[in-house]
Amino acid sequence: MPKVYLLDYVAGNVRSLVNAIEKVGYTVEWIKSPEDVEKADKLILPGVGHFGHCMTQFAEANYLPAIRKHIDSGKPFMGICVGLQALFEGSSEAPSVSGLGVIKGRLDRFDDSSKSVPHIGWNSANTTDKKVYGLLPSSKYYYVHSYKVPYKKGELEAQGCSVATARYGDEEFVGAVAKDNVLATQFHPEKSGAAGLRVLKAFLDGEKESGIAGLEAMEEGLTRRVIACLDVRTNDQGDLVVTKGDQYDVREKTDGGNVRNLGKPVEMARKYYEQGADEVTFLNITSFRDCPIADLPMLEILRQTSKTVFVPLTIGGGIRDTTDTDGTKVSALEIATMYFKSGADKVSIGSDAVTAAEEYYAAGKKLSGKTAIEQISQAYGNQAVVVSVDPKRVYVADSSETKHNAIPTTTPGPNREKYCWYACTIKGGRETRDMDVVELTQAVEAMGCGEILLNCIDKDGTNSGFDLELINQVKNAIKIPVIASSGAGNPGHFGEVFAKTKTDAALGAGMFHRGEYTVKDVKDFLGKEGLLVRQFEDSI
């Protein structure tokens, strides 16, 4: 098969990009030194994280002259995410650091006064003037970034560029840009399903004018994200299974109390992808204490899943400083890196985030720089770090009875209490801490978390709908995106949470696992309610 050369500067999940390249008929050759760039015919630069860190890494390794020479020679070059940003002159993320300057313009940060930042999810890449690299106005593409190239009509076109744009709130920005032999996408084609694979194939095949021109752009803006979540653990026979329980109790009430077995993780993940899931989340609820870290079963699950599932994958459980079976100390950052290299796009941190938040407040709201959240976000960007929060209600007669952030509730307590606050828990809900959900989410946001997975112990397994009061309280307290979780029992619950809260995404588990509803059922319902959703494409 023909080759494409890949230059990785700690770009996060490159395995999915390799899988996507192989899916469209090419093999990958790694660039290991500046001298290797010269032998590359087609060169791809992926990246996530900090613009300044990216450019500094390239400069220190003496890659910049080789990259410029490759582009100037007329050979095909593609930049993805930070790879796009590197082509411009600079970014407000690192004002003193220069970009390659291949295209004139600078990046700035999204305004977070009325919307969540990072911009995470499925959005447009609309081009109406030219046919560009398989881009379709009817398709949606996966974005995850905080800084963008603002779009001002005519400026990039005057440089000879073809431009595809997207809109987030009132801000229009560059989703993709093509100039001569260069294609760059702010979105991740390897995470954009068939739509992204089509763009990647068009670039590699050299089919620049392979899109559809002249069509009216579809509705712009983020779609409503629907996420499928799989709790994974070993059962009593030692097999990895997807399970689900009530308030985290995953054992059957009959059948000898065996662990509930709802299917195999890799097969179920692919099924949800083909139903149109916008993301798939794996939560590892088995510790695997006696297993060498390099052989963790979840690593292989990610490797296998990422071969056929081209949407973002999140992995939670065990992302902490630990000691391997041979006595070697292994940091949370090293474990996260292993997961990223195996196919994960994000890691989810649970109980350890509560401990880190307690230490943060004890130190007078000072960051230590040593927590898992800080280390991973500094290396891979805050969009790579999710904090999974497990709160439960504590009722009080009046808000003055507690130091915590209490809210009035329409669901009175057992003694008709009219207020409640949400206490954070650890160890799968088994231990309650003296910290409320607002305190926790604000602390982890300060540490560098990019997204909150907001569970609710009271709602888990009830099929009664999401806790709207909890979601609204957290959304009003922080700027980063929130994923609503726990309680979904039918498509109407997804419609309700999107209509009555500002949640950025909603997650389902048991209703999908049991086959009561599919992801497509939810998407179809949301579409009929007039909400913008991404529909699954199966053709590259």
Protein backbone atom coordinates (compact mmCIF):
# COMPACT_ATOMS: atom_id res chain seq x y z
CA MET A 1 0.00 0.00 0.00
CA PRO A 2 1.17 3.60 -0.57
CA LYS A 3 2.79 5.38 2.36
CA VAL A 4 2.02 8.57 4.24
CA TYR A 5 4.52 10.03 6.70
CA LEU A 6 3.41 11.08 10.17
CA LEU A 7 5.18 13.55 12.44
CA ASP A 8 4.09 13.10 16.07
CA TYR A 9 5.12 15.58 18.72
CA VAL A 10 3.11 14.01 21.62
CA ALA A 11 -0.12 14.56 19.74
CA GLY A 12 -2.35 12.57 22.06
CA ASN A 13 -4.25 9.77 20.38
CA VAL A 14 -2.33 9.04 17.19
CA ARG A 15 -3.42 5.41 17.08
CA SER A 16 -6.83 6.42 15.78
CA LEU A 17 -5.20 8.50 13.07
CA VAL A 18 -3.02 5.55 12.05
CA ASN A 19 -6.11 3.32 11.99
CA ALA A 20 -7.98 5.87 9.88
CA ILE A 21 -5.10 6.15 7.41
CA GLU A 22 -4.96 2.37 7.09
CA LYS A 23 -8.74 2.26 6.70
CA VAL A 24 -8.54 4.40 3.56
CA GLY A 25 -5.77 2.31 2.01
CA TYR A 26 -2.42 3.73 3.15
CA THR A 27 0.35 2.69 5.50
CA VAL A 28 2.13 4.95 7.99
CA GLU A 29 5.83 5.69 8.15
CA TRP A 30 6.98 7.63 11.22
CA ILE A 31 9.19 10.69 10.99
CA LYS A 32 11.89 10.28 13.64
CA SER A 33 14.26 13.11 12.77
CA PRO A 34 14.32 16.32 10.69
CA GLU A 35 16.34 14.44 8.08
CA ASP A 36 13.44 11.99 7.63
CA VAL A 37 11.11 14.80 6.47
CA GLU A 38 12.93 15.09 3.15
CA LYS A 39 12.03 11.53 2.14
CA ALA A 40 8.34 12.10 2.83
CA ASP A 41 6.04 12.39 -0.16
CA LYS A 42 2.85 13.06 1.81
CA LEU A 43 3.33 14.49 5.32
CA ILE A 44 0.72 14.81 8.10
CA LEU A 45 1.21 16.84 11.28
CA PRO A 46 -1.38 15.99 13.97
CA GLY A 47 -1.51 17.71 17.31
CA VAL A 48 -3.47 18.53 20.43
CA GLY A 49 -2.73 20.80 23.33
CA HIS A 50 -0.83 24.06 23.64
CA PHE A 51 0.25 26.06 20.59
CA GLY A 52 3.39 27.37 22.30
CA HIS A 53 4.43 23.92 23.50
CA CYS A 54 3.94 22.50 20.01
CA MET A 55 5.98 25.16 18.22
CA THR A 56 8.69 25.16 20.89
CA GLN A 57 9.05 21.38 20.62
CA PHE A 58 9.45 21.63 16.85
CA ALA A 59 11.94 24.47 17.11
CA GLU A 60 14.10 22.73 19.71
CA ALA A 61 14.17 19.54 17.62
CA ASN A 62 15.04 21.59 14.50
CA TYR A 63 11.95 20.43 12.59
CA LEU A 64 10.74 23.86 11.43
CA PRO A 65 13.17 24.34 8.51
CA ALA A 66 12.42 20.81 7.26
CA ILE A 67 8.65 21.36 7.45
CA ARG A 68 8.91 24.68 5.60
CA LYS A 69 11.09 23.07 2.93
CA HIS A 70 8.55 20.26 2.47
CA ILE A 71 5.70 22.74 2.03
CA ASP A 72 7.72 25.03 -0.27
CA SER A 73 8.62 22.05 -2.47
CA GLY A 74 4.96 21.54 -3.35
CA LYS A 75 4.62 18.15 -1.68
CA PRO A 76 1.25 17.38 -0.04
CA PHE A 77 1.05 18.51 3.60
CA MET A 78 -1.82 18.14 6.05
CA GLY A 79 -2.15 19.71 9.51
CA ILE A 80 -4.74 18.53 12.03
CA CYS A 81 -5.97 20.63 14.99
CA VAL A 82 -2.79 22.23 16.40
CA GLY A 83 -1.26 21.17 13.09
CA LEU A 84 -3.59 23.72 11.44
CA GLN A 85 -2.77 26.36 14.03
CA ALA A 86 0.96 25.91 13.44
CA LEU A 87 0.55 27.10 9.83
CA PHE A 88 -0.52 30.58 10.95
CA GLU A 89 1.62 33.43 12.25
CA GLY A 90 0.82 33.06 15.93
CA SER A 91 -1.76 32.57 18.67
CA SER A 92 -2.86 34.46 21.75
CA GLU A 93 -2.36 31.17 23.59
CA ALA A 94 1.38 31.88 23.41
CA PRO A 95 1.84 35.48 22.17
CA SER A 96 5.65 35.34 22.16
CA VAL A 97 5.84 32.17 20.04
CA SER A 98 5.75 32.35 16.24
CA GLY A 99 3.98 29.93 13.96
CA LEU A 100 5.20 28.82 10.55
CA GLY A 101 3.54 31.79 8.86
CA VAL A 102 2.53 29.79 5.78
CA ILE A 103 -0.83 31.54 6.04
CA LYS A 104 -1.24 35.08 7.37
CA GLY A 105 -3.44 35.38 10.43
CA ARG A 106 -3.49 34.77 14.17
CA LEU A 107 -5.59 32.70 16.55
CA ASP A 108 -7.52 33.92 19.55
CA ARG A 109 -9.55 32.25 22.28
CA PHE A 110 -13.26 31.59 22.10
CA ASP A 111 -15.34 33.99 24.16
CA ASP A 112 -16.65 32.00 27.13
CA SER A 113 -19.09 34.61 28.45
CA SER A 114 -22.08 32.83 26.93
CA LYS A 115 -20.83 29.36 25.99
CA SER A 116 -18.61 26.55 27.20
CA VAL A 117 -14.93 26.50 26.34
CA PRO A 118 -13.29 24.29 25.06
CA HIS A 119 -15.47 24.00 21.98
CA ILE A 120 -16.10 20.25 22.04
CA GLY A 121 -18.37 18.36 19.69
CA TRP A 122 -19.69 18.00 16.17
CA ASN A 123 -19.92 21.10 13.99
CA SER A 124 -19.87 22.13 10.36
CA ALA A 125 -17.11 22.73 7.82
CA ASN A 126 -19.10 24.60 5.19
CA THR A 127 -17.63 25.69 1.88
CA THR A 128 -19.88 26.99 -0.89
CA ASP A 129 -17.45 28.53 -3.37
CA LYS A 130 -15.25 25.55 -4.26
CA LYS A 131 -15.19 21.76 -4.10
CA VAL A 132 -12.58 20.98 -1.45
CA TYR A 133 -11.23 17.59 -0.32
CA GLY A 134 -14.52 15.79 0.15
CA LEU A 135 -16.06 18.35 2.50
CA LEU A 136 -19.85 18.24 2.44
CA PRO A 137 -22.22 20.89 3.80
CA SER A 138 -24.51 18.11 5.01
CA SER A 139 -21.81 16.49 7.18
CA LYS A 140 -20.65 17.22 10.70
CA TYR A 141 -17.07 16.97 11.96
CA TYR A 142 -15.59 16.53 15.41
CA TYR A 143 -13.85 19.54 17.00
CA VAL A 144 -12.10 19.94 20.34
CA HIS A 145 -10.22 23.22 20.89
CA SER A 146 -10.20 26.51 22.81
CA TYR A 147 -8.40 28.70 20.24
CA LYS A 148 -9.54 29.39 16.71
CA VAL A 149 -8.76 31.31 13.54
CA PRO A 150 -11.51 33.96 13.28
CA TYR A 151 -13.09 34.03 9.84
CA LYS A 152 -13.34 37.38 8.06
CA LYS A 153 -14.74 37.00 4.57
CA GLY A 154 -12.20 37.58 1.84
CA GLU A 155 -9.03 37.77 3.95
CA LEU A 156 -7.87 34.19 3.53
CA GLU A 157 -9.34 33.94 0.05
CA ALA A 158 -7.13 36.88 -0.97
CA GLN A 159 -4.13 34.70 -0.04
CA GLY A 160 -5.29 32.01 -2.47
CA CYS A 161 -6.98 29.89 0.20
CA SER A 162 -10.17 27.86 0.01
CA VAL A 163 -11.93 28.02 3.36
CA ALA A 164 -14.54 25.95 5.19
CA THR A 165 -16.13 27.58 8.21
CA ALA A 166 -18.07 26.68 11.34
CA ARG A 167 -19.92 28.76 13.90
CA TYR A 168 -19.91 28.56 17.69
CA GLY A 169 -22.34 30.97 19.27
CA ASP A 170 -21.82 34.27 17.45
CA GLU A 171 -18.26 33.46 16.42
CA GLU A 172 -17.49 32.19 12.93
CA PHE A 173 -14.14 30.47 12.62
CA VAL A 174 -12.03 28.44 10.19
CA GLY A 175 -12.88 24.75 10.24
CA ALA A 176 -10.56 23.85 7.37
CA VAL A 177 -8.32 25.69 4.95
CA ALA A 178 -6.63 24.59 1.72
CA LYS A 179 -3.88 26.43 -0.12
CA ASP A 180 -1.94 24.95 -3.02
CA ASN A 181 -0.45 21.67 -1.68
CA VAL A 182 -1.61 22.28 1.91
CA LEU A 183 -4.77 21.09 3.67
CA ALA A 184 -5.40 21.85 7.32
CA THR A 185 -8.39 20.96 9.46
CA GLN A 186 -9.26 22.33 12.88
CA PHE A 187 -11.49 19.29 13.30
CA HIS A 188 -10.18 15.75 13.70
CA PRO A 189 -10.94 13.74 10.54
CA GLU A 190 -9.95 10.49 12.27
CA LYS A 191 -12.66 11.15 14.88
CA SER A 192 -15.33 12.38 12.47
CA GLY A 193 -16.70 9.05 11.30
CA ALA A 194 -17.19 8.45 7.58
CA ALA A 195 -17.27 12.21 6.91
CA GLY A 196 -13.73 12.59 8.28
CA LEU A 197 -12.42 9.48 6.58
CA ARG A 198 -13.69 10.88 3.28
CA VAL A 199 -11.64 14.08 3.79
CA LEU A 200 -8.55 12.09 4.76
CA LYS A 201 -8.87 9.84 1.71
CA ALA A 202 -9.36 12.79 -0.64
CA PHE A 203 -6.17 14.40 0.66
CA LEU A 204 -4.13 11.22 0.40
CA ASP A 205 -5.49 10.46 -3.08
CA GLY A 206 -4.73 14.03 -4.19
CA GLU A 207 -8.37 14.73 -5.04
CA LYS A 208 -8.54 18.36 -3.98
CA GLU A 209 -11.72 19.17 -5.88
CA SER A 210 -13.78 16.25 -4.64
CA GLY A 211 -16.41 17.90 -2.47
CA ILE A 212 -19.71 19.41 -3.55
CA ALA A 213 -19.74 23.10 -4.40
CA GLY A 214 -22.55 25.58 -4.54
CA LEU A 215 -24.89 23.96 -2.02
CA GLU A 216 -26.48 26.00 0.72
CA ALA A 217 -24.79 25.38 4.05
CA MET A 218 -26.68 23.31 6.57
CA GLU A 219 -27.49 24.72 10.00
CA GLU A 220 -24.25 25.65 11.73
CA GLY A 221 -23.34 25.23 15.38
CA LEU A 222 -22.70 22.34 17.73
CA THR A 223 -25.00 19.38 17.46
CA ARG A 224 -26.52 17.81 20.57
CA ARG A 225 -24.04 15.15 21.62
CA VAL A 226 -25.38 11.73 22.57
CA ILE A 227 -22.80 9.54 24.32
CA ALA A 228 -22.92 5.81 24.97
CA CYS A 229 -21.27 4.71 28.22
CA LEU A 230 -20.01 1.19 28.95
CA ASP A 231 -19.16 0.13 32.51
CA VAL A 232 -16.54 -2.60 32.08
CA ARG A 233 -15.38 -5.11 34.66
CA THR A 234 -14.44 -8.74 35.05
CA ASN A 235 -17.22 -11.11 36.00
CA ASP A 236 -16.86 -14.04 38.35
CA GLN A 237 -15.57 -16.20 35.50
CA GLY A 238 -12.76 -13.74 34.74
CA ASP A 239 -14.25 -12.41 31.48
CA LEU A 240 -14.42 -8.71 30.65
CA VAL A 241 -18.07 -7.71 30.30
CA VAL A 242 -20.21 -4.62 30.04
CA THR A 243 -22.40 -4.35 33.12
CA LYS A 244 -24.85 -1.95 34.73
CA GLY A 245 -26.48 -1.65 38.11
CA ASP A 246 -28.64 0.40 40.43
CA GLN A 247 -26.66 2.87 42.54
CA TYR A 248 -23.55 1.04 41.30
CA ASP A 249 -24.67 -2.44 42.47
CA VAL A 250 -23.88 -4.56 39.40
CA ARG A 251 -24.81 -7.99 40.77
CA GLU A 252 -27.98 -9.79 39.87
CA LYS A 253 -30.61 -10.08 42.58
CA THR A 254 -31.06 -13.71 41.49
CA ASP A 255 -28.87 -16.13 39.51
CA GLY A 256 -26.53 -16.53 42.47
CA GLY A 257 -25.71 -12.84 42.59
CA ASN A 258 -23.41 -12.98 39.58
CA VAL A 259 -22.09 -9.83 37.92
CA ARG A 260 -24.65 -8.66 35.39
CA ASN A 261 -23.34 -9.48 31.89
CA LEU A 262 -24.78 -7.26 29.14
CA GLY A 263 -22.25 -8.00 26.40
CA LYS A 264 -18.67 -7.68 25.17
CA PRO A 265 -17.11 -4.18 25.28
CA VAL A 266 -15.56 -4.00 21.79
CA GLU A 267 -18.62 -5.41 20.03
CA MET A 268 -21.00 -3.11 21.90
CA ALA A 269 -18.87 -0.03 21.24
CA ARG A 270 -18.96 -0.73 17.51
CA LYS A 271 -22.72 -1.26 17.64
CA TYR A 272 -23.24 2.15 19.26
CA TYR A 273 -20.90 3.79 16.76
CA GLU A 274 -22.98 2.34 13.92
CA GLN A 275 -26.15 3.60 15.61
CA GLY A 276 -24.72 7.12 15.53
CA ALA A 277 -23.18 7.62 18.99
CA ASP A 278 -21.17 10.84 19.04
CA GLU A 279 -18.72 9.44 21.57
CA VAL A 280 -18.12 6.20 23.44
CA THR A 281 -17.00 6.15 27.06
CA PHE A 282 -15.48 3.14 28.82
CA LEU A 283 -15.50 3.21 32.62
CA ASN A 284 -13.20 0.58 34.09
CA ILE A 285 -14.82 -0.52 37.36
CA THR A 286 -12.37 -3.35 38.03
CA SER A 287 -9.06 -2.42 39.66
CA PHE A 288 -6.88 -5.13 38.00
CA ARG A 289 -4.53 -4.81 40.98
CA ASP A 290 -2.60 -7.98 40.17
CA CYS A 291 -2.08 -7.16 36.50
CA PRO A 292 1.09 -5.49 35.14
CA ILE A 293 0.16 -2.02 33.94
CA ALA A 294 1.47 -2.64 30.41
CA ASP A 295 -0.94 -5.58 30.15
CA LEU A 296 -4.06 -3.85 31.45
CA PRO A 297 -7.09 -5.34 29.65
CA MET A 298 -8.51 -1.87 28.98
CA LEU A 299 -5.51 -1.06 26.80
CA GLU A 300 -6.36 -3.92 24.46
CA ILE A 301 -10.04 -2.94 24.45
CA LEU A 302 -9.02 0.52 23.24
CA ARG A 303 -6.67 -0.89 20.60
CA GLN A 304 -9.38 -3.12 19.17
CA THR A 305 -12.17 -0.56 19.42
CA SER A 306 -10.19 2.20 17.71
CA LYS A 307 -9.78 0.01 14.61
CA THR A 308 -13.47 0.28 13.74
CA VAL A 309 -14.89 3.12 15.85
CA PHE A 310 -13.99 6.55 14.45
CA VAL A 311 -15.52 8.80 17.09
CA PRO A 312 -13.90 9.99 20.34
CA LEU A 313 -13.16 7.37 22.99
CA THR A 314 -12.92 8.18 26.69
CA ILE A 315 -11.47 5.82 29.30
CA GLY A 316 -12.00 6.18 33.05
CA GLY A 317 -10.68 4.24 36.02
CA GLY A 318 -7.17 3.83 37.39
CA ILE A 319 -5.75 7.13 36.07
CA ARG A 320 -3.59 7.79 39.12
CA ASP A 321 -0.05 7.54 40.45
CA THR A 322 0.50 3.88 41.25
CA THR A 323 3.05 1.13 41.74
CA ASP A 324 3.39 -1.62 39.15
CA THR A 325 3.52 -5.29 40.08
CA ASP A 326 7.34 -5.22 39.90
CA GLY A 327 7.55 -2.30 42.34
CA THR A 328 8.12 0.39 39.68
CA LYS A 329 6.50 3.75 40.39
CA VAL A 330 4.23 4.82 37.53
CA SER A 331 2.73 8.31 37.34
CA ALA A 332 -0.81 9.18 36.33
CA LEU A 333 0.65 10.97 33.30
CA GLU A 334 2.45 7.81 32.19
CA ILE A 335 -0.74 5.76 32.55
CA ALA A 336 -2.71 8.37 30.60
CA THR A 337 -0.06 8.30 27.88
CA MET A 338 -0.47 4.53 27.60
CA TYR A 339 -4.21 4.95 27.17
CA PHE A 340 -3.76 7.69 24.55
CA LYS A 341 -1.32 5.55 22.59
CA SER A 342 -3.82 2.69 22.70
CA GLY A 343 -6.68 4.70 21.22
CA ALA A 344 -8.20 6.92 23.91
CA ASP A 345 -8.87 10.59 23.21
CA LYS A 346 -9.73 11.56 26.78
CA VAL A 347 -9.10 10.13 30.22
CA SER A 348 -11.62 10.40 33.03
CA ILE A 349 -10.53 10.89 36.64
CA GLY A 350 -12.92 10.19 39.52
CA SER A 351 -12.14 9.73 43.21
CA ASP A 352 -8.63 11.18 42.94
CA ALA A 353 -10.11 14.44 41.69
CA VAL A 354 -11.97 14.84 44.99
CA THR A 355 -8.78 14.30 46.96
CA ALA A 356 -6.96 16.79 44.73
CA ALA A 357 -9.74 19.35 45.25
CA GLU A 358 -9.54 18.93 49.03
CA GLU A 359 -5.81 19.61 48.90
CA TYR A 360 -6.41 22.61 46.60
CA TYR A 361 -8.73 24.27 49.11
CA ALA A 362 -6.53 23.33 52.07
CA ALA A 363 -3.67 25.17 50.33
CA GLY A 364 -5.77 28.32 49.92
CA LYS A 365 -6.80 27.62 46.33
CA LYS A 366 -3.19 27.26 45.21
CA LEU A 367 -2.26 24.81 42.46
CA SER A 368 0.46 22.30 43.24
CA GLY A 369 1.26 21.36 39.67
CA LYS A 370 1.54 17.75 40.84
CA THR A 371 -2.02 16.48 40.52
CA ALA A 372 -2.96 14.07 37.74
CA ILE A 373 -5.32 16.67 36.27
CA GLU A 374 -2.60 19.32 36.06
CA GLN A 375 0.09 17.01 34.69
CA ILE A 376 -2.09 15.47 31.98
CA SER A 377 -3.70 18.75 30.89
CA GLN A 378 -0.31 20.45 30.67
CA ALA A 379 1.00 17.69 28.43
CA TYR A 380 -2.07 17.01 26.28
CA GLY A 381 -4.37 20.00 26.76
CA ASN A 382 -7.36 20.39 29.05
CA GLN A 383 -9.69 18.87 26.45
CA ALA A 384 -8.02 15.50 27.14
CA VAL A 385 -9.04 15.49 30.82
CA VAL A 386 -12.55 14.66 32.04
CA VAL A 387 -13.51 14.59 35.71
CA SER A 388 -16.25 12.12 36.60
CA VAL A 389 -18.30 13.44 39.53
CA ASP A 390 -20.51 11.20 41.69
CA PRO A 391 -22.68 13.44 43.90
CA LYS A 392 -25.72 12.59 45.97
CA ARG A 393 -28.40 14.73 47.56
CA VAL A 394 -28.26 15.93 51.16
CA TYR A 395 -31.54 17.56 52.22
CA VAL A 396 -31.85 20.54 54.56
CA ALA A 397 -34.87 22.53 55.70
CA ASP A 398 -33.16 25.82 54.85
CA SER A 399 -30.00 26.85 53.04
CA SER A 400 -28.77 28.57 56.21
CA GLU A 401 -28.38 25.14 57.84
CA THR A 402 -25.30 24.27 55.77
CA LYS A 403 -22.08 25.91 54.65
CA HIS A 404 -22.48 24.17 51.30
CA ASN A 405 -24.08 25.42 48.09
CA ALA A 406 -27.72 24.51 48.73
CA ILE A 407 -30.51 25.08 46.22
CA PRO A 408 -34.31 24.99 46.45
CA THR A 409 -35.70 21.75 45.09
CA THR A 410 -38.98 20.71 43.57
CA THR A 411 -38.40 17.21 44.97
CA PRO A 412 -38.71 17.56 48.77
CA GLY A 413 -36.69 15.40 51.11
CA PRO A 414 -37.99 12.59 53.35
CA ASN A 415 -39.02 15.12 55.99
CA ARG A 416 -40.37 17.57 53.42
CA GLU A 417 -37.11 19.53 53.31
CA LYS A 418 -37.24 22.17 50.59
CA TYR A 419 -33.49 22.54 49.98
CA CYS A 420 -30.65 20.23 49.09
CA TRP A 421 -26.96 20.27 48.36
CA TYR A 422 -24.96 17.69 46.46
CA ALA A 423 -22.26 15.91 48.43
CA CYS A 424 -19.37 14.44 46.46
CA THR A 425 -18.52 10.79 46.92
CA ILE A 426 -15.55 8.56 46.18
CA LYS A 427 -14.91 4.84 45.78
CA GLY A 428 -17.94 4.22 43.58
CA GLY A 429 -20.29 6.13 45.86
CA ARG A 430 -19.35 4.17 48.96
CA GLU A 431 -17.76 7.11 50.83
CA THR A 432 -19.18 10.63 51.15
CA ARG A 433 -16.91 13.66 51.51
CA ASP A 434 -17.53 17.07 53.07
CA MET A 435 -17.39 18.82 49.70
CA ASP A 436 -20.22 19.90 47.46
CA VAL A 437 -20.42 19.57 43.69
CA VAL A 438 -19.85 23.29 43.06
CA GLU A 439 -16.67 23.29 45.12
CA LEU A 440 -15.37 20.22 43.32
CA THR A 441 -16.13 21.30 39.77
CA GLN A 442 -14.71 24.79 40.29
CA ALA A 443 -11.52 23.33 41.76
CA VAL A 444 -10.92 20.86 38.93
CA GLU A 445 -11.69 23.55 36.34
CA ALA A 446 -8.91 25.65 37.92
CA MET A 447 -6.57 22.65 37.73
CA GLY A 448 -7.07 22.22 33.99
CA CYS A 449 -9.96 19.81 33.58
CA GLY A 450 -11.69 20.36 30.23
CA GLU A 451 -15.02 18.61 30.78
CA ILE A 452 -17.25 17.33 33.60
CA LEU A 453 -19.00 13.96 33.46
CA LEU A 454 -21.83 14.72 35.89
CA ASN A 455 -23.32 11.58 37.38
CA CYS A 456 -25.98 11.43 40.10
CA ILE A 457 -26.13 8.55 42.57
CA ASP A 458 -29.78 9.26 43.39
CA LYS A 459 -30.71 8.88 39.72
CA ASP A 460 -28.42 6.04 38.70
CA GLY A 461 -30.38 3.05 37.42
CA THR A 462 -33.79 4.66 38.05
CA ASN A 463 -34.73 5.34 34.39
CA SER A 464 -36.59 8.39 35.70
CA GLY A 465 -34.68 11.09 33.83
CA PHE A 466 -31.68 13.28 34.55
CA ASP A 467 -31.36 15.44 37.67
CA LEU A 468 -32.06 18.78 36.04
CA GLU A 469 -31.51 20.80 39.22
CA LEU A 470 -28.04 19.33 39.67
CA ILE A 471 -27.10 19.96 36.04
CA ASN A 472 -28.26 23.58 36.13
CA GLN A 473 -26.37 24.26 39.36
CA VAL A 474 -23.11 22.95 37.91
CA LYS A 475 -23.56 24.64 34.52
CA ASN A 476 -24.06 27.98 36.29
CA ALA A 477 -20.90 27.49 38.33
CA ILE A 478 -18.30 26.68 35.66
CA LYS A 479 -17.31 27.55 32.07
CA ILE A 480 -16.18 24.15 30.80
CA PRO A 481 -18.56 21.67 29.10
CA VAL A 482 -20.78 19.34 31.12
CA ILE A 483 -22.00 15.86 30.17
CA ALA A 484 -25.29 14.95 31.85
CA SER A 485 -25.33 11.38 33.14
CA SER A 486 -27.48 9.02 35.26
CA GLY A 487 -31.20 8.41 34.96
CA ALA A 488 -31.88 8.25 31.22
CA GLY A 489 -34.63 5.74 30.51
CA ASN A 490 -36.11 6.86 27.18
CA PRO A 491 -35.47 9.35 24.34
CA GLY A 492 -37.76 11.89 25.99
CA HIS A 493 -35.33 12.24 28.87
CA PHE A 494 -32.66 13.39 26.41
CA GLY A 495 -35.09 15.90 24.93
CA GLU A 496 -35.94 17.16 28.41
CA VAL A 497 -32.35 17.64 29.55
CA PHE A 498 -31.43 19.56 26.38
CA ALA A 499 -34.57 21.70 26.61
CA LYS A 500 -34.41 22.50 30.33
CA THR A 501 -30.67 22.78 30.97
CA LYS A 502 -27.62 24.12 29.14
CA THR A 503 -25.86 20.76 29.24
CA ASP A 504 -23.35 20.24 26.45
CA ALA A 505 -23.99 16.50 26.04
CA ALA A 506 -26.07 13.70 27.51
CA LEU A 507 -25.06 10.12 28.23
CA GLY A 508 -27.01 6.88 28.20
CA ALA A 509 -26.11 3.37 29.31
CA GLY A 510 -28.63 0.83 30.58
CA MET A 511 -31.41 1.79 28.17
CA PHE A 512 -29.01 1.12 25.29
CA HIS A 513 -27.43 -2.02 26.77
CA ARG A 514 -30.79 -3.65 27.44
CA GLY A 515 -31.96 -2.93 23.90
CA GLU A 516 -34.95 -0.88 25.01
CA TYR A 517 -33.87 2.01 22.77
CA THR A 518 -31.02 2.63 20.35
CA VAL A 519 -28.84 5.70 19.96
CA LYS A 520 -30.59 6.26 16.64
CA ASP A 521 -33.96 6.28 18.44
CA VAL A 522 -32.68 9.11 20.63
CA LYS A 523 -31.26 11.04 17.66
CA ASP A 524 -34.49 10.65 15.69
CA PHE A 525 -36.51 11.91 18.64
CA LEU A 526 -34.26 14.93 19.13
CA GLY A 527 -34.44 15.73 15.42
CA LYS A 528 -38.24 15.68 15.49
CA GLU A 529 -38.07 18.07 18.45
CA GLY A 530 -36.18 20.52 16.24
CA LEU A 531 -32.78 19.96 17.83
CA LEU A 532 -29.62 19.80 15.74
CA VAL A 533 -28.10 16.31 15.75
CA ARG A 534 -25.50 14.44 13.71
CA GLN A 535 -26.75 11.48 11.74
CA PHE A 536 -24.53 8.47 11.13
CA GLU A 537 -22.85 8.21 7.72
CA ASP A 538 -21.68 4.80 6.56
CA SER A 539 -20.15 5.71 3.20
CA ILE A 540 -16.67 7.16 2.79
